[in-house]
Amino acid sequence: MTAPQPDGLMPTALDLRIEAAVGYGVEVLRRHRDSGLLDAPHAALADAHSELAAAERDVTFYRVRLARLASSALPVDQALFARIERTLDQLATAAAVRDAKRSVADAALAPIEAAAPRQAPPQIATKDAAALLAIAQGAKLHEHLVTHRLAVATPTRTRISYAQLLHLEEMGLVARDTAHPVHAGQPVNLTDAGRAVLTAPRRAGPPGTTPAPLPPALPAVSRTRR
């Protein structure tokens, strides 16, 4: 058993497979889950892996306890035999739970592995990636009451023009909630494709020029033209 990650995440038997399938490590997967950036299949995988890691931690706990009981520090008597037997039962139960959680995580990982890209995905501009990050925190499209100019407002005050919003919509990365009128603020949200862009690994490049990869083989987004 390897040592836990610095953030306390217990290593599991699926960590390397998950990293190969999603393109980054399980600790990044968990951060993306906490930030709400994952689509449903990846979120399910993150949750299943979290439960697996907790179960693996329980197995390690009882293994360490058993090792301490078997050390020469304690007197060999009937009380020790009872504690060892009880700990063995607890370890067996923890291992059974761990195996069940591994099966659930493996089932969540299987479709993601099957859909994993076979080649490097295309890229988007850094400014578009920055816009997606801002939109992920919450964004609304507003129409100025006097000038009637359209602009996207975000909590981070990232400047997103209407033209850039249309560009991101054309790529299928964001979508507007048209149930709300523009003059009252029309919510703009990331699509699954937009979340995939933000959670995909980045390629190295000069500062300020690193693009974000697009997810592969996404279906075209149909748009109703007025």
Protein backbone atom coordinates (compact mmCIF):
# COMPACT_ATOMS: atom_id res chain seq x y z
CA MET A 1 0.00 0.00 0.00
CA THR A 2 1.45 3.35 -1.01
CA ALA A 3 1.25 6.43 1.16
CA PRO A 4 -1.84 8.66 0.95
CA GLN A 5 -1.74 11.75 -1.25
CA PRO A 6 -0.76 15.04 0.44
CA ASP A 7 -4.44 16.10 0.54
CA GLY A 8 -5.37 12.92 2.42
CA LEU A 9 -6.80 10.97 -0.53
CA MET A 10 -6.13 7.26 -0.04
CA PRO A 11 -4.64 5.51 -3.12
CA THR A 12 -6.80 2.83 -4.71
CA ALA A 13 -6.38 0.10 -7.30
CA LEU A 14 -8.23 2.21 -9.90
CA ASP A 15 -6.20 5.42 -9.68
CA LEU A 16 -3.96 4.75 -12.69
CA ARG A 17 -6.89 3.63 -14.85
CA ILE A 18 -8.86 6.73 -13.92
CA GLU A 19 -5.92 9.00 -14.75
CA ALA A 20 -5.47 7.28 -18.12
CA ALA A 21 -9.17 7.62 -18.94
CA VAL A 22 -9.80 11.22 -17.87
CA GLY A 23 -6.34 12.65 -18.51
CA TYR A 24 -5.54 13.81 -14.97
CA GLY A 25 -5.16 12.42 -11.46
CA VAL A 26 -7.86 11.54 -8.97
CA GLU A 27 -7.07 14.52 -6.75
CA VAL A 28 -7.83 16.85 -9.68
CA LEU A 29 -10.98 14.86 -10.41
CA ARG A 30 -12.13 15.47 -6.85
CA ARG A 31 -11.42 19.21 -7.08
CA HIS A 32 -13.40 19.42 -10.32
CA ARG A 33 -16.27 17.56 -8.61
CA ASP A 34 -16.24 20.04 -5.72
CA SER A 35 -16.31 22.92 -8.21
CA GLY A 36 -19.27 21.47 -10.11
CA LEU A 37 -17.32 21.21 -13.38
CA LEU A 38 -18.00 17.55 -14.17
CA ASP A 39 -20.70 16.07 -16.36
CA ALA A 40 -22.91 13.33 -14.93
CA PRO A 41 -20.70 10.31 -15.80
CA HIS A 42 -17.51 11.93 -14.47
CA ALA A 43 -19.31 13.18 -11.35
CA ALA A 44 -20.57 9.65 -10.70
CA LEU A 45 -17.02 8.36 -11.11
CA ALA A 46 -15.67 10.98 -8.70
CA ASP A 47 -18.29 10.05 -6.08
CA ALA A 48 -17.66 6.33 -6.52
CA HIS A 49 -13.90 6.82 -6.22
CA SER A 50 -14.36 8.92 -3.08
CA GLU A 51 -16.34 6.09 -1.46
CA LEU A 52 -13.74 3.57 -2.61
CA ALA A 53 -10.93 5.65 -1.10
CA ALA A 54 -12.83 5.86 2.21
CA ALA A 55 -13.32 2.09 2.20
CA GLU A 56 -9.62 1.59 1.42
CA ARG A 57 -8.79 3.82 4.37
CA ASP A 58 -10.84 1.58 6.67
CA VAL A 59 -8.96 -1.49 5.43
CA THR A 60 -5.65 0.21 6.13
CA PHE A 61 -6.83 1.25 9.60
CA TYR A 62 -7.62 -2.32 10.65
CA ARG A 63 -4.43 -3.67 9.07
CA VAL A 64 -2.39 -1.23 11.13
CA ARG A 65 -4.34 -2.13 14.27
CA LEU A 66 -3.75 -5.84 13.63
CA ALA A 67 -0.04 -5.24 13.15
CA ARG A 68 0.15 -3.43 16.48
CA LEU A 69 -1.67 -6.22 18.25
CA ALA A 70 0.75 -8.76 16.78
CA SER A 71 3.80 -6.80 17.89
CA SER A 72 5.85 -7.80 20.94
CA ALA A 73 4.69 -4.78 22.92
CA LEU A 74 1.59 -6.47 24.32
CA PRO A 75 1.40 -9.47 26.67
CA VAL A 76 0.20 -12.70 25.09
CA ASP A 77 -2.99 -13.62 26.93
CA GLN A 78 -6.64 -14.42 26.30
CA ALA A 79 -7.53 -10.74 26.12
CA LEU A 80 -5.03 -10.26 23.29
CA PHE A 81 -6.43 -13.25 21.42
CA ALA A 82 -9.93 -11.79 21.70
CA ARG A 83 -8.78 -8.39 20.41
CA ILE A 84 -6.96 -10.02 17.48
CA GLU A 85 -10.01 -12.10 16.58
CA ARG A 86 -12.27 -9.05 16.77
CA THR A 87 -9.91 -7.00 14.62
CA LEU A 88 -9.67 -9.80 12.04
CA ASP A 89 -13.47 -9.79 11.75
CA GLN A 90 -13.46 -6.00 11.34
CA LEU A 91 -10.74 -6.24 8.71
CA ALA A 92 -12.69 -8.88 6.78
CA THR A 93 -15.81 -6.71 6.85
CA ALA A 94 -13.85 -3.64 5.72
CA ALA A 95 -12.29 -5.61 2.88
CA ALA A 96 -15.70 -6.84 1.72
CA VAL A 97 -17.03 -3.28 1.70
CA ARG A 98 -13.91 -2.13 -0.16
CA ASP A 99 -14.40 -4.81 -2.82
CA ALA A 100 -18.05 -3.78 -3.29
CA LYS A 101 -17.10 -0.10 -3.62
CA ARG A 102 -14.40 -1.06 -6.14
CA SER A 103 -17.02 -2.83 -8.27
CA VAL A 104 -19.21 0.29 -8.24
CA ALA A 105 -16.29 2.53 -9.18
CA ASP A 106 -15.19 0.13 -11.90
CA ALA A 107 -18.71 0.19 -13.38
CA ALA A 108 -18.65 4.01 -13.35
CA LEU A 109 -15.22 4.04 -15.00
CA ALA A 110 -16.01 1.56 -17.79
CA PRO A 111 -18.07 3.89 -20.05
CA ILE A 112 -15.55 6.70 -19.61
CA GLU A 113 -12.73 4.39 -20.62
CA ALA A 114 -14.74 3.29 -23.65
CA ALA A 115 -15.27 6.91 -24.69
CA ALA A 116 -11.71 8.04 -23.98
CA PRO A 117 -10.16 9.94 -26.92
CA ARG A 118 -7.75 8.05 -29.12
CA GLN A 119 -5.98 11.21 -30.32
CA ALA A 120 -5.17 14.71 -29.06
CA PRO A 121 -8.31 16.87 -29.03
CA PRO A 122 -8.52 20.24 -30.84
CA GLN A 123 -7.78 23.41 -28.90
CA ILE A 124 -9.56 26.65 -27.97
CA ALA A 125 -8.05 30.05 -27.31
CA THR A 126 -6.90 31.06 -23.84
CA LYS A 127 -9.40 33.94 -23.71
CA ASP A 128 -12.22 31.47 -24.40
CA ALA A 129 -10.99 29.20 -21.61
CA ALA A 130 -10.91 32.22 -19.27
CA ALA A 131 -14.46 33.09 -20.28
CA LEU A 132 -15.61 29.54 -19.55
CA LEU A 133 -14.00 29.66 -16.11
CA ALA A 134 -15.84 32.91 -15.36
CA ILE A 135 -19.16 31.51 -16.62
CA ALA A 136 -18.68 28.44 -14.43
CA GLN A 137 -18.92 30.76 -11.40
CA GLY A 138 -22.28 32.10 -12.59
CA ALA A 139 -23.06 34.47 -15.47
CA LYS A 140 -26.00 36.39 -16.92
CA LEU A 141 -26.57 38.13 -20.23
CA HIS A 142 -27.98 41.64 -19.72
CA GLU A 143 -29.39 44.22 -22.10
CA HIS A 144 -28.73 47.87 -21.27
CA LEU A 145 -32.04 49.71 -20.92
CA VAL A 146 -30.77 52.82 -22.73
CA THR A 147 -28.21 51.62 -25.28
CA HIS A 148 -29.72 48.13 -25.71
CA ARG A 149 -26.21 46.74 -25.84
CA LEU A 150 -25.83 43.14 -24.73
CA ALA A 151 -23.10 42.09 -22.31
CA VAL A 152 -22.35 39.14 -20.04
CA ALA A 153 -21.91 39.87 -16.33
CA THR A 154 -19.89 37.48 -14.13
CA PRO A 155 -18.97 37.49 -10.42
CA THR A 156 -15.29 37.67 -11.34
CA ARG A 157 -15.94 40.70 -13.61
CA THR A 158 -14.29 38.92 -16.51
CA ARG A 159 -15.08 40.82 -19.70
CA ILE A 160 -17.18 38.67 -22.04
CA SER A 161 -18.59 40.40 -25.10
CA TYR A 162 -21.81 39.34 -26.77
CA ALA A 163 -19.81 38.33 -29.82
CA GLN A 164 -17.65 36.03 -27.71
CA LEU A 165 -20.77 34.56 -26.11
CA LEU A 166 -22.15 33.75 -29.57
CA HIS A 167 -18.78 32.21 -30.45
CA LEU A 168 -18.90 29.96 -27.38
CA GLU A 169 -22.49 29.02 -28.17
CA GLU A 170 -21.54 28.09 -31.73
CA MET A 171 -18.94 25.70 -30.32
CA GLY A 172 -21.56 24.18 -28.03
CA LEU A 173 -19.67 25.15 -24.86
CA VAL A 174 -22.34 27.36 -23.24
CA ALA A 175 -26.11 27.70 -23.37
CA ARG A 176 -28.53 30.44 -22.33
CA ASP A 177 -31.67 29.92 -20.29
CA THR A 178 -34.13 31.58 -22.64
CA ALA A 179 -36.95 31.18 -20.13
CA HIS A 180 -35.63 34.39 -18.55
CA PRO A 181 -35.85 37.73 -20.40
CA VAL A 182 -32.59 39.41 -21.34
CA HIS A 183 -33.48 42.71 -19.68
CA ALA A 184 -33.86 40.89 -16.34
CA GLY A 185 -30.68 38.87 -16.82
CA GLN A 186 -30.56 35.68 -18.84
CA PRO A 187 -28.52 32.92 -17.10
CA VAL A 188 -25.60 31.52 -19.09
CA ASN A 189 -24.40 28.04 -18.16
CA LEU A 190 -21.70 25.64 -19.26
CA THR A 191 -22.76 22.65 -21.32
CA ASP A 192 -21.25 19.22 -20.73
CA ALA A 193 -18.84 20.06 -23.56
CA GLY A 194 -17.84 23.29 -21.83
CA ARG A 195 -17.18 21.47 -18.57
CA ALA A 196 -15.11 18.89 -20.46
CA VAL A 197 -12.93 21.69 -21.86
CA LEU A 198 -12.23 23.07 -18.39
CA THR A 199 -11.44 19.68 -16.89
CA ALA A 200 -9.29 18.39 -19.75
CA PRO A 201 -5.46 18.48 -19.35
CA ARG A 202 -3.72 21.50 -20.84
CA ARG A 203 -0.74 21.43 -23.18
CA ALA A 204 2.40 23.29 -22.21
CA GLY A 205 3.08 26.55 -24.00
CA PRO A 206 4.29 30.14 -23.55
CA PRO A 207 2.57 32.11 -20.77
CA GLY A 208 -0.76 33.53 -21.88
CA THR A 209 -0.99 31.35 -24.97
CA THR A 210 -1.83 27.92 -23.56
CA PRO A 211 -5.06 26.72 -25.20
CA ALA A 212 -7.62 24.42 -23.65
CA PRO A 213 -8.54 21.20 -25.48
CA LEU A 214 -12.01 20.53 -26.76
CA PRO A 215 -13.66 17.17 -25.98
CA PRO A 216 -13.63 14.75 -28.92
CA ALA A 217 -16.52 13.48 -31.00
CA LEU A 218 -19.23 15.65 -29.49
CA PRO A 219 -22.56 15.81 -31.34
CA ALA A 220 -23.32 19.02 -33.14
CA VAL A 221 -25.45 21.46 -31.17
CA SER A 222 -28.65 22.31 -32.95
CA ARG A 223 -29.74 25.93 -32.72
CA THR A 224 -33.11 27.37 -33.55
CA ARG A 225 -32.69 30.31 -35.90
CA ARG A 226 -35.12 33.18 -35.66
